[in-house]
């Protein structure tokens, strides 16, 4: 995921946290982890884009992961200017 997001969005900040352990017993949980993630992406690529469009950009880059093991992602998508506020 990290490589795809770095190549696709050229972020100034990227944080990917595996939150799978917090979802034990919930739908899509995998005992081996890597099913639920929190992702923070700060990128100029988001400038002028709505929140929905930004999420679509991330989802498109991670389509293979979402079709497989990844069940859910909590996304925070910001421009560098928004991060400074």
PDB file of N, CA and C in Angstrom:
ATOM      1  N   UNK A   1       0.827  -1.188   0.000  1.00  0.00           N
ATOM      2  CA  UNK A   1       0.000   0.000   0.000  1.00  0.00           C
ATOM      3  C   UNK A   1       0.873   1.254   0.000  1.00  0.00           C
ATOM      4  N   UNK A   2       1.897   1.237   0.830  1.00  0.00           N
ATOM      5  CA  UNK A   2       2.744   2.416   0.935  1.00  0.00           C
ATOM      6  C   UNK A   2       3.360   2.786  -0.412  1.00  0.00           C
ATOM      7  N   UNK A   3       3.915   1.815  -1.098  1.00  0.00           N
ATOM      8  CA  UNK A   3       4.552   2.082  -2.385  1.00  0.00           C
ATOM      9  C   UNK A   3       3.548   2.636  -3.399  1.00  0.00           C
ATOM     10  N   UNK A   4       2.369   2.058  -3.462  1.00  0.00           N
ATOM     11  CA  UNK A   4       1.352   2.524  -4.410  1.00  0.00           C
ATOM     12  C   UNK A   4       0.929   3.957  -4.113  1.00  0.00           C
ATOM     13  N   UNK A   5       0.734   4.266  -2.842  1.00  0.00           N
ATOM     14  CA  UNK A   5       0.327   5.618  -2.476  1.00  0.00           C
ATOM     15  C   UNK A   5       1.451   6.620  -2.720  1.00  0.00           C
ATOM     16  N   UNK A   6       2.680   6.227  -2.410  1.00  0.00           N
ATOM     17  CA  UNK A   6       3.814   7.120  -2.652  1.00  0.00           C
ATOM     18  C   UNK A   6       3.985   7.399  -4.137  1.00  0.00           C
ATOM     19  N   UNK A   7       3.900   6.367  -4.963  1.00  0.00           N
ATOM     20  CA  UNK A   7       4.070   6.550  -6.401  1.00  0.00           C
ATOM     21  C   UNK A   7       2.898   7.310  -7.026  1.00  0.00           C
ATOM     22  N   UNK A   8       1.684   7.032  -6.561  1.00  0.00           N
ATOM     23  CA  UNK A   8       0.503   7.626  -7.166  1.00  0.00           C
ATOM     24  C   UNK A   8       0.180   9.039  -6.718  1.00  0.00           C
ATOM     25  N   UNK A   9       0.574   9.374  -5.485  1.00  0.00           N
ATOM     26  CA  UNK A   9       0.175  10.672  -4.928  1.00  0.00           C
ATOM     27  C   UNK A   9       1.338  11.570  -4.531  1.00  0.00           C
ATOM     28  N   UNK A  10       2.545  11.051  -4.499  1.00  0.00           N
ATOM     29  CA  UNK A  10       3.728  11.827  -4.100  1.00  0.00           C
ATOM     30  C   UNK A  10       3.463  12.609  -2.808  1.00  0.00           C
ATOM     31  N   UNK A  11       3.067  11.918  -1.747  1.00  0.00           N
ATOM     32  CA  UNK A  11       2.676  12.627  -0.526  1.00  0.00           C
ATOM     33  C   UNK A  11       3.854  13.286   0.193  1.00  0.00           C
ATOM     34  N   UNK A  12       3.541  14.368   0.894  1.00  0.00           N
ATOM     35  CA  UNK A  12       4.518  14.991   1.780  1.00  0.00           C
ATOM     36  C   UNK A  12       4.451  14.339   3.156  1.00  0.00           C
ATOM     37  N   UNK A  13       3.358  13.655   3.412  1.00  0.00           N
ATOM     38  CA  UNK A  13       3.181  12.884   4.646  1.00  0.00           C
ATOM     39  C   UNK A  13       2.296  11.686   4.340  1.00  0.00           C
ATOM     40  N   UNK A  14       2.705  10.528   4.850  1.00  0.00           N
ATOM     41  CA  UNK A  14       1.922   9.312   4.671  1.00  0.00           C
ATOM     42  C   UNK A  14       2.056   8.469   5.923  1.00  0.00           C
ATOM     43  N   UNK A  15       0.927   8.176   6.540  1.00  0.00           N
ATOM     44  CA  UNK A  15       0.896   7.312   7.722  1.00  0.00           C
ATOM     45  C   UNK A  15      -0.130   6.215   7.477  1.00  0.00           C
ATOM     46  N   UNK A  16       0.318   4.974   7.620  1.00  0.00           N
ATOM     47  CA  UNK A  16      -0.566   3.822   7.455  1.00  0.00           C
ATOM     48  C   UNK A  16      -0.514   3.028   8.747  1.00  0.00           C
ATOM     49  N   UNK A  17      -1.659   2.898   9.393  1.00  0.00           N
ATOM     50  CA  UNK A  17      -1.746   2.199  10.666  1.00  0.00           C
ATOM     51  C   UNK A  17      -2.674   1.000  10.526  1.00  0.00           C
ATOM     52  N   UNK A  18      -2.182  -0.172  10.900  1.00  0.00           N
ATOM     53  CA  UNK A  18      -2.997  -1.383  10.886  1.00  0.00           C
ATOM     54  C   UNK A  18      -3.825  -1.402  12.174  1.00  0.00           C
ATOM     55  N   UNK A  19      -5.121  -1.194  12.040  1.00  0.00           N
ATOM     56  CA  UNK A  19      -6.044  -1.169  13.178  1.00  0.00           C
ATOM     57  C   UNK A  19      -6.811  -2.474  13.333  1.00  0.00           C
ATOM     58  N   UNK A  20      -6.377  -3.514  12.665  1.00  0.00           N
ATOM     59  CA  UNK A  20      -7.128  -4.774  12.641  1.00  0.00           C
ATOM     60  C   UNK A  20      -7.411  -5.316  14.032  1.00  0.00           C
ATOM     61  N   UNK A  21      -6.464  -5.173  14.933  1.00  0.00           N
ATOM     62  CA  UNK A  21      -6.636  -5.703  16.291  1.00  0.00           C
ATOM     63  C   UNK A  21      -7.821  -5.058  17.020  1.00  0.00           C
ATOM     64  N   UNK A  22      -8.195  -3.863  16.608  1.00  0.00           N
ATOM     65  CA  UNK A  22      -9.314  -3.155  17.239  1.00  0.00           C
ATOM     66  C   UNK A  22     -10.670  -3.626  16.713  1.00  0.00           C
ATOM     67  N   UNK A  23     -10.660  -4.506  15.720  1.00  0.00           N
ATOM     68  CA  UNK A  23     -11.905  -4.938  15.080  1.00  0.00           C
ATOM     69  C   UNK A  23     -12.167  -6.430  15.236  1.00  0.00           C
ATOM     70  N   UNK A  24     -11.550  -7.032  16.213  1.00  0.00           N
ATOM     71  CA  UNK A  24     -11.777  -8.462  16.458  1.00  0.00           C
ATOM     72  C   UNK A  24     -13.269  -8.713  16.677  1.00  0.00           C
ATOM     73  N   UNK A  25     -13.796  -9.695  15.973  1.00  0.00           N
ATOM     74  CA  UNK A  25     -15.205 -10.023  16.084  1.00  0.00           C
ATOM     75  C   UNK A  25     -16.107  -9.252  15.150  1.00  0.00           C
ATOM     76  N   UNK A  26     -15.560  -8.253  14.455  1.00  0.00           N
ATOM     77  CA  UNK A  26     -16.356  -7.460  13.515  1.00  0.00           C
ATOM     78  C   UNK A  26     -16.253  -8.042  12.111  1.00  0.00           C
ATOM     79  N   UNK A  27     -17.142  -7.628  11.250  1.00  0.00           N
ATOM     80  CA  UNK A  27     -17.134  -8.090   9.860  1.00  0.00           C
ATOM     81  C   UNK A  27     -15.801  -7.778   9.195  1.00  0.00           C
ATOM     82  N   UNK A  28     -15.296  -8.731   8.451  1.00  0.00           N
ATOM     83  CA  UNK A  28     -14.082  -8.535   7.684  1.00  0.00           C
ATOM     84  C   UNK A  28     -12.797  -8.680   8.461  1.00  0.00           C
ATOM     85  N   UNK A  29     -12.885  -8.915   9.758  1.00  0.00           N
ATOM     86  CA  UNK A  29     -11.679  -9.040  10.574  1.00  0.00           C
ATOM     87  C   UNK A  29     -10.898 -10.281  10.169  1.00  0.00           C
ATOM     88  N   UNK A  30      -9.588 -10.124  10.108  1.00  0.00           N
ATOM     89  CA  UNK A  30      -8.694 -11.237   9.809  1.00  0.00           C
ATOM     90  C   UNK A  30      -7.771 -11.411  11.001  1.00  0.00           C
ATOM     91  N   UNK A  31      -7.711 -12.606  11.561  1.00  0.00           N
ATOM     92  CA  UNK A  31      -6.887 -12.840  12.754  1.00  0.00           C
ATOM     93  C   UNK A  31      -5.412 -12.584  12.478  1.00  0.00           C
ATOM     94  N   UNK A  32      -4.997 -12.627  11.233  1.00  0.00           N
ATOM     95  CA  UNK A  32      -3.605 -12.362  10.871  1.00  0.00           C
ATOM     96  C   UNK A  32      -3.341 -10.869  10.657  1.00  0.00           C
ATOM     97  N   UNK A  33      -4.341 -10.031  10.845  1.00  0.00           N
ATOM     98  CA  UNK A  33      -4.170  -8.590  10.678  1.00  0.00           C
ATOM     99  C   UNK A  33      -4.368  -8.168   9.239  1.00  0.00           C
ATOM    100  N   UNK A  34      -4.033  -6.916   8.986  1.00  0.00           N
ATOM    101  CA  UNK A  34      -4.101  -6.314   7.660  1.00  0.00           C
ATOM    102  C   UNK A  34      -5.485  -6.367   7.026  1.00  0.00           C
ATOM    103  N   UNK A  35      -6.513  -6.097   7.833  1.00  0.00           N
ATOM    104  CA  UNK A  35      -7.867  -6.038   7.294  1.00  0.00           C
ATOM    105  C   UNK A  35      -8.501  -4.659   7.484  1.00  0.00           C
ATOM    106  N   UNK A  36      -8.072  -3.923   8.495  1.00  0.00           N
ATOM    107  CA  UNK A  36      -8.617  -2.601   8.802  1.00  0.00           C
ATOM    108  C   UNK A  36      -7.446  -1.620   8.981  1.00  0.00           C
ATOM    109  N   UNK A  37      -7.521  -0.475   8.295  1.00  0.00           N
ATOM    110  CA  UNK A  37      -6.427   0.488   8.331  1.00  0.00           C
ATOM    111  C   UNK A  37      -6.923   1.906   8.536  1.00  0.00           C
ATOM    112  N   UNK A  38      -6.078   2.721   9.167  1.00  0.00           N
ATOM    113  CA  UNK A  38      -6.246   4.171   9.190  1.00  0.00           C
ATOM    114  C   UNK A  38      -5.108   4.724   8.344  1.00  0.00           C
ATOM    115  N   UNK A  39      -5.438   5.596   7.408  1.00  0.00           N
ATOM    116  CA  UNK A  39      -4.436   6.133   6.501  1.00  0.00           C
ATOM    117  C   UNK A  39      -4.560   7.651   6.466  1.00  0.00           C
ATOM    118  N   UNK A  40      -3.426   8.324   6.663  1.00  0.00           N
ATOM    119  CA  UNK A  40      -3.344   9.774   6.535  1.00  0.00           C
ATOM    120  C   UNK A  40      -2.443  10.056   5.334  1.00  0.00           C
ATOM    121  N   UNK A  41      -2.982  10.813   4.372  1.00  0.00           N
ATOM    122  CA  UNK A  41      -2.215  11.187   3.187  1.00  0.00           C
ATOM    123  C   UNK A  41      -2.298  12.697   3.015  1.00  0.00           C
ATOM    124  N   UNK A  42      -1.143  13.337   2.927  1.00  0.00           N
ATOM    125  CA  UNK A  42      -1.072  14.764   2.631  1.00  0.00           C
ATOM    126  C   UNK A  42      -0.369  14.890   1.285  1.00  0.00           C
ATOM    127  N   UNK A  43      -1.068  15.478   0.310  1.00  0.00           N
ATOM    128  CA  UNK A  43      -0.529  15.527  -1.043  1.00  0.00           C
ATOM    129  C   UNK A  43      -1.069  16.720  -1.816  1.00  0.00           C
ATOM    130  N   UNK A  44      -0.214  17.308  -2.643  1.00  0.00           N
ATOM    131  CA  UNK A  44      -0.654  18.362  -3.558  1.00  0.00           C
ATOM    132  C   UNK A  44      -1.646  17.830  -4.583  1.00  0.00           C
ATOM    133  N   UNK A  45      -1.636  16.518  -4.802  1.00  0.00           N
ATOM    134  CA  UNK A  45      -2.555  15.909  -5.771  1.00  0.00           C
ATOM    135  C   UNK A  45      -4.015  16.123  -5.386  1.00  0.00           C
ATOM    136  N   UNK A  46      -4.280  16.444  -4.127  1.00  0.00           N
ATOM    137  CA  UNK A  46      -5.644  16.644  -3.652  1.00  0.00           C
ATOM    138  C   UNK A  46      -6.147  18.085  -3.834  1.00  0.00           C
ATOM    139  N   UNK A  47      -5.280  18.977  -4.261  1.00  0.00           N
ATOM    140  CA  UNK A  47      -5.662  20.383  -4.415  1.00  0.00           C
ATOM    141  C   UNK A  47      -6.814  20.513  -5.405  1.00  0.00           C
ATOM    142  N   UNK A  48      -7.861  21.201  -4.968  1.00  0.00           N
ATOM    143  CA  UNK A  48      -9.030  21.429  -5.810  1.00  0.00           C
ATOM    144  C   UNK A  48      -9.986  20.253  -5.898  1.00  0.00           C
ATOM    145  N   UNK A  49      -9.712  19.191  -5.158  1.00  0.00           N
ATOM    146  CA  UNK A  49     -10.557  17.990  -5.194  1.00  0.00           C
ATOM    147  C   UNK A  49     -11.448  17.939  -3.950  1.00  0.00           C
ATOM    148  N   UNK A  50     -12.652  17.423  -4.124  1.00  0.00           N
ATOM    149  CA  UNK A  50     -13.554  17.235  -2.989  1.00  0.00           C
ATOM    150  C   UNK A  50     -13.065  16.059  -2.147  1.00  0.00           C
ATOM    151  N   UNK A  51     -13.588  15.924  -0.961  1.00  0.00           N
ATOM    152  CA  UNK A  51     -13.232  14.801  -0.103  1.00  0.00           C
ATOM    153  C   UNK A  51     -13.579  13.471  -0.767  1.00  0.00           C
ATOM    154  N   UNK A  52     -14.726  13.423  -1.431  1.00  0.00           N
ATOM    155  CA  UNK A  52     -15.134  12.199  -2.129  1.00  0.00           C
ATOM    156  C   UNK A  52     -14.147  11.872  -3.243  1.00  0.00           C
ATOM    157  N   UNK A  53     -13.747  12.866  -4.018  1.00  0.00           N
ATOM    158  CA  UNK A  53     -12.788  12.629  -5.096  1.00  0.00           C
ATOM    159  C   UNK A  53     -11.434  12.173  -4.557  1.00  0.00           C
ATOM    160  N   UNK A  54     -11.029  12.736  -3.454  1.00  0.00           N
ATOM    161  CA  UNK A  54      -9.758  12.333  -2.831  1.00  0.00           C
ATOM    162  C   UNK A  54      -9.816  10.865  -2.398  1.00  0.00           C
ATOM    163  N   UNK A  55     -10.916  10.477  -1.787  1.00  0.00           N
ATOM    164  CA  UNK A  55     -11.074   9.086  -1.349  1.00  0.00           C
ATOM    165  C   UNK A  55     -11.121   8.153  -2.550  1.00  0.00           C
ATOM    166  N   UNK A  56     -11.765   8.594  -3.609  1.00  0.00           N
ATOM    167  CA  UNK A  56     -11.798   7.784  -4.831  1.00  0.00           C
ATOM    168  C   UNK A  56     -10.397   7.589  -5.397  1.00  0.00           C
ATOM    169  N   UNK A  57      -9.561   8.616  -5.321  1.00  0.00           N
ATOM    170  CA  UNK A  57      -8.182   8.511  -5.804  1.00  0.00           C
ATOM    171  C   UNK A  57      -7.421   7.448  -5.009  1.00  0.00           C
ATOM    172  N   UNK A  58      -7.552   7.480  -3.694  1.00  0.00           N
ATOM    173  CA  UNK A  58      -6.883   6.496  -2.848  1.00  0.00           C
ATOM    174  C   UNK A  58      -7.441   5.100  -3.125  1.00  0.00           C
ATOM    175  N   UNK A  59      -8.765   4.986  -3.184  1.00  0.00           N
ATOM    176  CA  UNK A  59      -9.392   3.687  -3.440  1.00  0.00           C
ATOM    177  C   UNK A  59      -8.952   3.106  -4.783  1.00  0.00           C
ATOM    178  N   UNK A  60      -8.810   3.945  -5.801  1.00  0.00           N
ATOM    179  CA  UNK A  60      -8.375   3.465  -7.115  1.00  0.00           C
ATOM    180  C   UNK A  60      -6.949   2.912  -7.044  1.00  0.00           C
ATOM    181  N   UNK A  61      -6.088   3.598  -6.314  1.00  0.00           N
ATOM    182  CA  UNK A  61      -4.705   3.125  -6.182  1.00  0.00           C
ATOM    183  C   UNK A  61      -4.624   1.808  -5.415  1.00  0.00           C
ATOM    184  N   UNK A  62      -5.554   1.612  -4.485  1.00  0.00           N
ATOM    185  CA  UNK A  62      -5.523   0.417  -3.633  1.00  0.00           C
ATOM    186  C   UNK A  62      -6.624  -0.582  -3.995  1.00  0.00           C
ATOM    187  N   UNK A  63      -7.084  -0.550  -5.227  1.00  0.00           N
ATOM    188  CA  UNK A  63      -8.188  -1.412  -5.666  1.00  0.00           C
ATOM    189  C   UNK A  63      -7.890  -2.893  -5.447  1.00  0.00           C
ATOM    190  N   UNK A  64      -6.672  -3.328  -5.736  1.00  0.00           N
ATOM    191  CA  UNK A  64      -6.324  -4.742  -5.551  1.00  0.00           C
ATOM    192  C   UNK A  64      -6.415  -5.152  -4.083  1.00  0.00           C
ATOM    193  N   UNK A  65      -5.934  -4.288  -3.207  1.00  0.00           N
ATOM    194  CA  UNK A  65      -5.989  -4.586  -1.770  1.00  0.00           C
ATOM    195  C   UNK A  65      -7.431  -4.619  -1.266  1.00  0.00           C
ATOM    196  N   UNK A  66      -8.240  -3.689  -1.746  1.00  0.00           N
ATOM    197  CA  UNK A  66      -9.640  -3.636  -1.329  1.00  0.00           C
ATOM    198  C   UNK A  66     -10.438  -4.821  -1.860  1.00  0.00           C
ATOM    199  N   UNK A  67     -10.023  -5.365  -2.970  1.00  0.00           N
ATOM    200  CA  UNK A  67     -10.701  -6.533  -3.543  1.00  0.00           C
ATOM    201  C   UNK A  67     -10.290  -7.811  -2.811  1.00  0.00           C
ATOM    202  N   UNK A  68      -9.261  -7.727  -2.009  1.00  0.00           N
ATOM    203  CA  UNK A  68      -8.760  -8.910  -1.306  1.00  0.00           C
ATOM    204  C   UNK A  68      -8.870  -8.786   0.195  1.00  0.00           C
ATOM    205  N   UNK A  69      -7.751  -8.684   0.832  1.00  0.00           N
ATOM    206  CA  UNK A  69      -7.644  -8.780   2.282  1.00  0.00           C
ATOM    207  C   UNK A  69      -8.151  -7.555   3.053  1.00  0.00           C
ATOM    208  N   UNK A  70      -8.030  -6.366   2.457  1.00  0.00           N
ATOM    209  CA  UNK A  70      -8.407  -5.142   3.172  1.00  0.00           C
ATOM    210  C   UNK A  70      -9.924  -4.983   3.165  1.00  0.00           C
ATOM    211  N   UNK A  71     -10.482  -4.899   4.356  1.00  0.00           N
ATOM    212  CA  UNK A  71     -11.934  -4.777   4.515  1.00  0.00           C
ATOM    213  C   UNK A  71     -12.360  -3.315   4.672  1.00  0.00           C
ATOM    214  N   UNK A  72     -11.552  -2.509   5.360  1.00  0.00           N
ATOM    215  CA  UNK A  72     -11.959  -1.134   5.644  1.00  0.00           C
ATOM    216  C   UNK A  72     -10.748  -0.227   5.807  1.00  0.00           C
ATOM    217  N   UNK A  73     -10.939   1.038   5.385  1.00  0.00           N
ATOM    218  CA  UNK A  73      -9.907   2.055   5.557  1.00  0.00           C
ATOM    219  C   UNK A  73     -10.569   3.334   6.059  1.00  0.00           C
ATOM    220  N   UNK A  74     -10.004   3.904   7.094  1.00  0.00           N
ATOM    221  CA  UNK A  74     -10.411   5.231   7.551  1.00  0.00           C
ATOM    222  C   UNK A  74      -9.406   6.200   6.947  1.00  0.00           C
ATOM    223  N   UNK A  75      -9.871   7.075   6.057  1.00  0.00           N
ATOM    224  CA  UNK A  75      -8.969   7.955   5.325  1.00  0.00           C
ATOM    225  C   UNK A  75      -9.038   9.388   5.808  1.00  0.00           C
ATOM    226  N   UNK A  76      -7.860   9.987   5.947  1.00  0.00           N
ATOM    227  CA  UNK A  76      -7.718  11.423   6.139  1.00  0.00           C
ATOM    228  C   UNK A  76      -6.884  11.893   4.966  1.00  0.00           C
ATOM    229  N   UNK A  77      -7.461  12.734   4.122  1.00  0.00           N
ATOM    230  CA  UNK A  77      -6.801  13.191   2.905  1.00  0.00           C
ATOM    231  C   UNK A  77      -6.755  14.714   2.911  1.00  0.00           C
ATOM    232  N   UNK A  78      -5.551  15.255   2.957  1.00  0.00           N
ATOM    233  CA  UNK A  78      -5.359  16.699   3.069  1.00  0.00           C
ATOM    234  C   UNK A  78      -4.355  17.207   2.049  1.00  0.00           C
ATOM    235  N   UNK A  79      -4.474  18.492   1.715  1.00  0.00           N
ATOM    236  CA  UNK A  79      -3.422  19.160   0.959  1.00  0.00           C
ATOM    237  C   UNK A  79      -2.396  19.661   1.978  1.00  0.00           C
ATOM    238  N   UNK A  80      -1.170  19.987   1.553  1.00  0.00           N
ATOM    239  CA  UNK A  80      -0.198  20.541   2.506  1.00  0.00           C
ATOM    240  C   UNK A  80      -0.707  21.810   3.183  1.00  0.00           C
ATOM    241  N   UNK A  81      -1.429  22.658   2.448  1.00  0.00           N
ATOM    242  CA  UNK A  81      -1.970  23.888   3.039  1.00  0.00           C
ATOM    243  C   UNK A  81      -2.998  23.565   4.126  1.00  0.00           C
ATOM    244  N   UNK A  82      -3.846  22.562   3.884  1.00  0.00           N
ATOM    245  CA  UNK A  82      -4.851  22.173   4.884  1.00  0.00           C
ATOM    246  C   UNK A  82      -4.188  21.597   6.134  1.00  0.00           C
ATOM    247  N   UNK A  83      -3.106  20.877   5.955  1.00  0.00           N
ATOM    248  CA  UNK A  83      -2.409  20.301   7.104  1.00  0.00           C
ATOM    249  C   UNK A  83      -1.831  21.381   8.010  1.00  0.00           C
ATOM    250  N   UNK A  84      -1.421  22.490   7.441  1.00  0.00           N
ATOM    251  CA  UNK A  84      -0.808  23.576   8.220  1.00  0.00           C
ATOM    252  C   UNK A  84      -1.808  24.333   9.075  1.00  0.00           C
ATOM    253  N   UNK A  85      -3.093  24.249   8.728  1.00  0.00           N
ATOM    254  CA  UNK A  85      -4.119  24.996   9.470  1.00  0.00           C
ATOM    255  C   UNK A  85      -4.327  24.458  10.858  1.00  0.00           C
TER     256      UNK A  85
END
